[in-house]
Amino acid sequence: MLALDEALNKLAVEAPEKAELVKLRFFCGLTMTEAAAVLGVSQATAERHWSFAKSWLFVELGETGENVELS
């Protein structure tokens, strides 16, 4: 979890909206539709942000040897 927090902080610097989407989905348990509404973006945009964020975090966490599953 510590590695995930550090990775999310890095993502927040580069792409704050994408990091916020991860927090809403992963920690708050919101659906994609709910998270999109909170962020004020379309569901399609939220889906693109989610795909990017998952890939970015996979690479970032892979470098630390951590294995966190984001569904």
PDB file of N, CA and C in Angstrom:
ATOM      1  N   MET A   1       0.825  -1.188   0.000  1.00  0.00           N
ATOM      2  CA  MET A   1       0.000   0.000   0.000  1.00  0.00           C
ATOM      3  C   MET A   1       0.867   1.249   0.000  1.00  0.00           C
ATOM      4  N   LEU A   2       2.007   1.176   0.640  1.00  0.00           N
ATOM      5  CA  LEU A   2       2.896   2.325   0.672  1.00  0.00           C
ATOM      6  C   LEU A   2       3.403   2.651  -0.734  1.00  0.00           C
ATOM      7  N   ALA A   3       3.749   1.618  -1.476  1.00  0.00           N
ATOM      8  CA  ALA A   3       4.217   1.816  -2.849  1.00  0.00           C
ATOM      9  C   ALA A   3       3.106   2.395  -3.716  1.00  0.00           C
ATOM     10  N   LEU A   4       1.873   1.939  -3.498  1.00  0.00           N
ATOM     11  CA  LEU A   4       0.737   2.473  -4.258  1.00  0.00           C
ATOM     12  C   LEU A   4       0.541   3.944  -3.935  1.00  0.00           C
ATOM     13  N   ASP A   5       0.643   4.318  -2.667  1.00  0.00           N
ATOM     14  CA  ASP A   5       0.495   5.715  -2.272  1.00  0.00           C
ATOM     15  C   ASP A   5       1.560   6.579  -2.936  1.00  0.00           C
ATOM     16  N   GLU A   6       2.798   6.119  -2.925  1.00  0.00           N
ATOM     17  CA  GLU A   6       3.881   6.862  -3.564  1.00  0.00           C
ATOM     18  C   GLU A   6       3.646   6.996  -5.067  1.00  0.00           C
ATOM     19  N   ALA A   7       3.205   5.919  -5.691  1.00  0.00           N
ATOM     20  CA  ALA A   7       2.935   5.957  -7.129  1.00  0.00           C
ATOM     21  C   ALA A   7       1.781   6.900  -7.439  1.00  0.00           C
ATOM     22  N   LEU A   8       0.735   6.880  -6.617  1.00  0.00           N
ATOM     23  CA  LEU A   8      -0.393   7.794  -6.828  1.00  0.00           C
ATOM     24  C   LEU A   8       0.032   9.253  -6.662  1.00  0.00           C
ATOM     25  N   ASN A   9       0.917   9.513  -5.729  1.00  0.00           N
ATOM     26  CA  ASN A   9       1.422  10.881  -5.563  1.00  0.00           C
ATOM     27  C   ASN A   9       2.184  11.341  -6.803  1.00  0.00           C
ATOM     28  N   LYS A  10       2.984  10.437  -7.383  1.00  0.00           N
ATOM     29  CA  LYS A  10       3.694  10.774  -8.622  1.00  0.00           C
ATOM     30  C   LYS A  10       2.709  11.015  -9.764  1.00  0.00           C
ATOM     31  N   LEU A  11       1.693  10.146  -9.856  1.00  0.00           N
ATOM     32  CA  LEU A  11       0.693  10.305 -10.908  1.00  0.00           C
ATOM     33  C   LEU A  11      -0.061  11.619 -10.727  1.00  0.00           C
ATOM     34  N   ALA A  12      -0.345  11.998  -9.488  1.00  0.00           N
ATOM     35  CA  ALA A  12      -1.071  13.238  -9.219  1.00  0.00           C
ATOM     36  C   ALA A  12      -0.308  14.466  -9.701  1.00  0.00           C
ATOM     37  N   VAL A  13       1.018  14.396  -9.677  1.00  0.00           N
ATOM     38  CA  VAL A  13       1.831  15.510 -10.176  1.00  0.00           C
ATOM     39  C   VAL A  13       1.705  15.596 -11.697  1.00  0.00           C
ATOM     40  N   GLU A  14       1.759  14.454 -12.352  1.00  0.00           N
ATOM     41  CA  GLU A  14       1.719  14.403 -13.818  1.00  0.00           C
ATOM     42  C   GLU A  14       0.311  14.507 -14.385  1.00  0.00           C
ATOM     43  N   ALA A  15      -0.645  13.889 -13.714  1.00  0.00           N
ATOM     44  CA  ALA A  15      -2.021  13.817 -14.240  1.00  0.00           C
ATOM     45  C   ALA A  15      -3.012  13.779 -13.075  1.00  0.00           C
ATOM     46  N   PRO A  16      -3.283  14.933 -12.476  1.00  0.00           N
ATOM     47  CA  PRO A  16      -4.117  14.962 -11.268  1.00  0.00           C
ATOM     48  C   PRO A  16      -5.507  14.343 -11.437  1.00  0.00           C
ATOM     49  N   GLU A  17      -6.142  14.583 -12.562  1.00  0.00           N
ATOM     50  CA  GLU A  17      -7.488  14.044 -12.759  1.00  0.00           C
ATOM     51  C   GLU A  17      -7.474  12.513 -12.837  1.00  0.00           C
ATOM     52  N   LYS A  18      -6.450  11.972 -13.436  1.00  0.00           N
ATOM     53  CA  LYS A  18      -6.328  10.515 -13.533  1.00  0.00           C
ATOM     54  C   LYS A  18      -6.073   9.907 -12.158  1.00  0.00           C
ATOM     55  N   ALA A  19      -5.243  10.563 -11.360  1.00  0.00           N
ATOM     56  CA  ALA A  19      -4.983  10.081 -10.002  1.00  0.00           C
ATOM     57  C   ALA A  19      -6.253  10.148  -9.158  1.00  0.00           C
ATOM     58  N   GLU A  20      -7.021  11.205  -9.318  1.00  0.00           N
ATOM     59  CA  GLU A  20      -8.272  11.336  -8.566  1.00  0.00           C
ATOM     60  C   GLU A  20      -9.250  10.234  -8.959  1.00  0.00           C
ATOM     61  N   LEU A  21      -9.283   9.892 -10.230  1.00  0.00           N
ATOM     62  CA  LEU A  21     -10.149   8.807 -10.689  1.00  0.00           C
ATOM     63  C   LEU A  21      -9.756   7.486 -10.021  1.00  0.00           C
ATOM     64  N   VAL A  22      -8.468   7.223  -9.930  1.00  0.00           N
ATOM     65  CA  VAL A  22      -8.010   5.998  -9.269  1.00  0.00           C
ATOM     66  C   VAL A  22      -8.470   5.989  -7.818  1.00  0.00           C
ATOM     67  N   LYS A  23      -8.321   7.102  -7.122  1.00  0.00           N
ATOM     68  CA  LYS A  23      -8.739   7.188  -5.726  1.00  0.00           C
ATOM     69  C   LYS A  23     -10.239   6.945  -5.583  1.00  0.00           C
ATOM     70  N   LEU A  24     -11.024   7.548  -6.470  1.00  0.00           N
ATOM     71  CA  LEU A  24     -12.475   7.365  -6.406  1.00  0.00           C
ATOM     72  C   LEU A  24     -12.872   5.919  -6.651  1.00  0.00           C
ATOM     73  N   ARG A  25     -12.215   5.286  -7.611  1.00  0.00           N
ATOM     74  CA  ARG A  25     -12.564   3.906  -7.950  1.00  0.00           C
ATOM     75  C   ARG A  25     -11.993   2.913  -6.930  1.00  0.00           C
ATOM     76  N   PHE A  26     -10.718   3.048  -6.611  1.00  0.00           N
ATOM     77  CA  PHE A  26     -10.023   2.059  -5.785  1.00  0.00           C
ATOM     78  C   PHE A  26     -10.364   2.197  -4.300  1.00  0.00           C
ATOM     79  N   PHE A  27     -10.338   3.408  -3.790  1.00  0.00           N
ATOM     80  CA  PHE A  27     -10.535   3.613  -2.359  1.00  0.00           C
ATOM     81  C   PHE A  27     -11.987   3.886  -1.973  1.00  0.00           C
ATOM     82  N   CYS A  28     -12.719   4.582  -2.834  1.00  0.00           N
ATOM     83  CA  CYS A  28     -14.120   4.909  -2.517  1.00  0.00           C
ATOM     84  C   CYS A  28     -15.091   3.877  -3.076  1.00  0.00           C
ATOM     85  N   GLY A  29     -14.633   3.063  -4.022  1.00  0.00           N
ATOM     86  CA  GLY A  29     -15.478   2.017  -4.581  1.00  0.00           C
ATOM     87  C   GLY A  29     -16.545   2.508  -5.536  1.00  0.00           C
ATOM     88  N   LEU A  30     -16.346   3.691  -6.118  1.00  0.00           N
ATOM     89  CA  LEU A  30     -17.334   4.218  -7.052  1.00  0.00           C
ATOM     90  C   LEU A  30     -17.286   3.458  -8.376  1.00  0.00           C
ATOM     91  N   THR A  31     -18.418   3.387  -9.026  1.00  0.00           N
ATOM     92  CA  THR A  31     -18.459   2.828 -10.371  1.00  0.00           C
ATOM     93  C   THR A  31     -17.849   3.845 -11.326  1.00  0.00           C
ATOM     94  N   MET A  32     -17.593   3.416 -12.547  1.00  0.00           N
ATOM     95  CA  MET A  32     -17.048   4.334 -13.542  1.00  0.00           C
ATOM     96  C   MET A  32     -18.019   5.491 -13.790  1.00  0.00           C
ATOM     97  N   THR A  33     -19.304   5.180 -13.850  1.00  0.00           N
ATOM     98  CA  THR A  33     -20.320   6.214 -14.080  1.00  0.00           C
ATOM     99  C   THR A  33     -20.332   7.216 -12.933  1.00  0.00           C
ATOM    100  N   GLU A  34     -20.274   6.725 -11.706  1.00  0.00           N
ATOM    101  CA  GLU A  34     -20.271   7.604 -10.540  1.00  0.00           C
ATOM    102  C   GLU A  34     -19.007   8.472 -10.498  1.00  0.00           C
ATOM    103  N   ALA A  35     -17.868   7.856 -10.753  1.00  0.00           N
ATOM    104  CA  ALA A  35     -16.608   8.599 -10.726  1.00  0.00           C
ATOM    105  C   ALA A  35     -16.571   9.659 -11.823  1.00  0.00           C
ATOM    106  N   ALA A  36     -17.068   9.320 -12.996  1.00  0.00           N
ATOM    107  CA  ALA A  36     -17.122  10.292 -14.099  1.00  0.00           C
ATOM    108  C   ALA A  36     -17.977  11.489 -13.697  1.00  0.00           C
ATOM    109  N   ALA A  37     -19.101  11.231 -13.052  1.00  0.00           N
ATOM    110  CA  ALA A  37     -19.992  12.315 -12.622  1.00  0.00           C
ATOM    111  C   ALA A  37     -19.305  13.202 -11.584  1.00  0.00           C
ATOM    112  N   VAL A  38     -18.610  12.600 -10.631  1.00  0.00           N
ATOM    113  CA  VAL A  38     -17.899  13.370  -9.606  1.00  0.00           C
ATOM    114  C   VAL A  38     -16.842  14.262 -10.252  1.00  0.00           C
ATOM    115  N   LEU A  39     -16.130  13.724 -11.242  1.00  0.00           N
ATOM    116  CA  LEU A  39     -15.077  14.478 -11.916  1.00  0.00           C
ATOM    117  C   LEU A  39     -15.604  15.443 -12.966  1.00  0.00           C
ATOM    118  N   GLY A  40     -16.872  15.292 -13.338  1.00  0.00           N
ATOM    119  CA  GLY A  40     -17.456  16.168 -14.352  1.00  0.00           C
ATOM    120  C   GLY A  40     -16.958  15.886 -15.754  1.00  0.00           C
ATOM    121  N   VAL A  41     -16.677  14.610 -16.028  1.00  0.00           N
ATOM    122  CA  VAL A  41     -16.232  14.203 -17.368  1.00  0.00           C
ATOM    123  C   VAL A  41     -17.184  13.130 -17.897  1.00  0.00           C
ATOM    124  N   SER A  42     -17.120  12.890 -19.189  1.00  0.00           N
ATOM    125  CA  SER A  42     -17.952  11.846 -19.769  1.00  0.00           C
ATOM    126  C   SER A  42     -17.444  10.479 -19.337  1.00  0.00           C
ATOM    127  N   GLN A  43     -18.297   9.494 -19.466  1.00  0.00           N
ATOM    128  CA  GLN A  43     -17.871   8.141 -19.110  1.00  0.00           C
ATOM    129  C   GLN A  43     -16.757   7.673 -20.041  1.00  0.00           C
ATOM    130  N   ALA A  44     -16.820   8.059 -21.303  1.00  0.00           N
ATOM    131  CA  ALA A  44     -15.768   7.673 -22.255  1.00  0.00           C
ATOM    132  C   ALA A  44     -14.419   8.262 -21.841  1.00  0.00           C
ATOM    133  N   THR A  45     -14.420   9.510 -21.400  1.00  0.00           N
ATOM    134  CA  THR A  45     -13.184  10.134 -20.935  1.00  0.00           C
ATOM    135  C   THR A  45     -12.685   9.430 -19.681  1.00  0.00           C
ATOM    136  N   ALA A  46     -13.585   9.118 -18.770  1.00  0.00           N
ATOM    137  CA  ALA A  46     -13.203   8.404 -17.552  1.00  0.00           C
ATOM    138  C   ALA A  46     -12.604   7.044 -17.897  1.00  0.00           C
ATOM    139  N   GLU A  47     -13.173   6.349 -18.857  1.00  0.00           N
ATOM    140  CA  GLU A  47     -12.646   5.046 -19.282  1.00  0.00           C
ATOM    141  C   GLU A  47     -11.224   5.199 -19.827  1.00  0.00           C
ATOM    142  N   ARG A  48     -10.991   6.240 -20.631  1.00  0.00           N
ATOM    143  CA  ARG A  48      -9.644   6.472 -21.178  1.00  0.00           C
ATOM    144  C   ARG A  48      -8.666   6.804 -20.055  1.00  0.00           C
ATOM    145  N   HIS A  49      -9.096   7.658 -19.133  1.00  0.00           N
ATOM    146  CA  HIS A  49      -8.238   8.008 -17.990  1.00  0.00           C
ATOM    147  C   HIS A  49      -7.922   6.769 -17.154  1.00  0.00           C
ATOM    148  N   TRP A  50      -8.916   5.906 -16.951  1.00  0.00           N
ATOM    149  CA  TRP A  50      -8.741   4.693 -16.156  1.00  0.00           C
ATOM    150  C   TRP A  50      -7.724   3.771 -16.820  1.00  0.00           C
ATOM    151  N   SER A  51      -7.842   3.594 -18.131  1.00  0.00           N
ATOM    152  CA  SER A  51      -6.901   2.738 -18.862  1.00  0.00           C
ATOM    153  C   SER A  51      -5.479   3.275 -18.744  1.00  0.00           C
ATOM    154  N   PHE A  52      -5.336   4.582 -18.929  1.00  0.00           N
ATOM    155  CA  PHE A  52      -4.019   5.202 -18.813  1.00  0.00           C
ATOM    156  C   PHE A  52      -3.464   5.014 -17.404  1.00  0.00           C
ATOM    157  N   ALA A  53      -4.275   5.328 -16.391  1.00  0.00           N
ATOM    158  CA  ALA A  53      -3.817   5.265 -15.003  1.00  0.00           C
ATOM    159  C   ALA A  53      -3.422   3.849 -14.608  1.00  0.00           C
ATOM    160  N   LYS A  54      -4.212   2.865 -15.018  1.00  0.00           N
ATOM    161  CA  LYS A  54      -3.870   1.477 -14.689  1.00  0.00           C
ATOM    162  C   LYS A  54      -2.538   1.088 -15.319  1.00  0.00           C
ATOM    163  N   SER A  55      -2.344   1.458 -16.570  1.00  0.00           N
ATOM    164  CA  SER A  55      -1.087   1.137 -17.256  1.00  0.00           C
ATOM    165  C   SER A  55       0.087   1.854 -16.603  1.00  0.00           C
ATOM    166  N   TRP A  56      -0.101   3.119 -16.298  1.00  0.00           N
ATOM    167  CA  TRP A  56       0.950   3.912 -15.680  1.00  0.00           C
ATOM    168  C   TRP A  56       1.336   3.315 -14.330  1.00  0.00           C
ATOM    169  N   LEU A  57       0.334   2.978 -13.527  1.00  0.00           N
ATOM    170  CA  LEU A  57       0.598   2.411 -12.204  1.00  0.00           C
ATOM    171  C   LEU A  57       1.236   1.024 -12.308  1.00  0.00           C
ATOM    172  N   PHE A  58       0.825   0.242 -13.279  1.00  0.00           N
ATOM    173  CA  PHE A  58       1.422  -1.075 -13.484  1.00  0.00           C
ATOM    174  C   PHE A  58       2.919  -0.947 -13.725  1.00  0.00           C
ATOM    175  N   VAL A  59       3.288  -0.019 -14.584  1.00  0.00           N
ATOM    176  CA  VAL A  59       4.706   0.199 -14.875  1.00  0.00           C
ATOM    177  C   VAL A  59       5.415   0.729 -13.638  1.00  0.00           C
ATOM    178  N   GLU A  60       4.828   1.722 -12.985  1.00  0.00           N
ATOM    179  CA  GLU A  60       5.450   2.329 -11.811  1.00  0.00           C
ATOM    180  C   GLU A  60       5.615   1.316 -10.681  1.00  0.00           C
ATOM    181  N   LEU A  61       4.587   0.544 -10.404  1.00  0.00           N
ATOM    182  CA  LEU A  61       4.652  -0.437  -9.325  1.00  0.00           C
ATOM    183  C   LEU A  61       5.505  -1.636  -9.709  1.00  0.00           C
ATOM    184  N   GLY A  62       5.588  -1.910 -11.000  1.00  0.00           N
ATOM    185  CA  GLY A  62       6.444  -3.001 -11.456  1.00  0.00           C
ATOM    186  C   GLY A  62       7.898  -2.737 -11.158  1.00  0.00           C
ATOM    187  N   GLU A  63       8.282  -1.470 -11.173  1.00  0.00           N
ATOM    188  CA  GLU A  63       9.665  -1.098 -10.886  1.00  0.00           C
ATOM    189  C   GLU A  63      10.002  -1.322  -9.410  1.00  0.00           C
ATOM    190  N   THR A  64       8.988  -1.304  -8.537  1.00  0.00           N
ATOM    191  CA  THR A  64       9.229  -1.481  -7.111  1.00  0.00           C
ATOM    192  C   THR A  64       9.041  -2.917  -6.675  1.00  0.00           C
ATOM    193  N   GLY A  65       8.572  -3.754  -7.594  1.00  0.00           N
ATOM    194  CA  GLY A  65       8.331  -5.148  -7.260  1.00  0.00           C
ATOM    195  C   GLY A  65       6.985  -5.382  -6.587  1.00  0.00           C
ATOM    196  N   GLU A  66       6.156  -4.360  -6.492  1.00  0.00           N
ATOM    197  CA  GLU A  66       4.840  -4.482  -5.854  1.00  0.00           C
ATOM    198  C   GLU A  66       3.840  -5.027  -6.860  1.00  0.00           C
ATOM    199  N   ASN A  67       2.851  -5.726  -6.342  1.00  0.00           N
ATOM    200  CA  ASN A  67       1.800  -6.271  -7.198  1.00  0.00           C
ATOM    201  C   ASN A  67       0.452  -5.879  -6.617  1.00  0.00           C
ATOM    202  N   VAL A  68      -0.115  -4.797  -7.125  1.00  0.00           N
ATOM    203  CA  VAL A  68      -1.422  -4.320  -6.679  1.00  0.00           C
ATOM    204  C   VAL A  68      -2.389  -4.476  -7.831  1.00  0.00           C
ATOM    205  N   GLU A  69      -3.516  -5.094  -7.576  1.00  0.00           N
ATOM    206  CA  GLU A  69      -4.501  -5.328  -8.628  1.00  0.00           C
ATOM    207  C   GLU A  69      -5.534  -4.212  -8.646  1.00  0.00           C
ATOM    208  N   LEU A  70      -5.649  -3.526  -9.771  1.00  0.00           N
ATOM    209  CA  LEU A  70      -6.674  -2.522  -9.990  1.00  0.00           C
ATOM    210  C   LEU A  70      -7.627  -3.091 -11.030  1.00  0.00           C
ATOM    211  N   SER A  71      -8.837  -3.372 -10.634  1.00  0.00           N
ATOM    212  CA  SER A  71      -9.775  -3.964 -11.590  1.00  0.00           C
ATOM    213  C   SER A  71     -10.603  -2.923 -12.284  1.00  0.00           C
TER     214      SER A  71
END
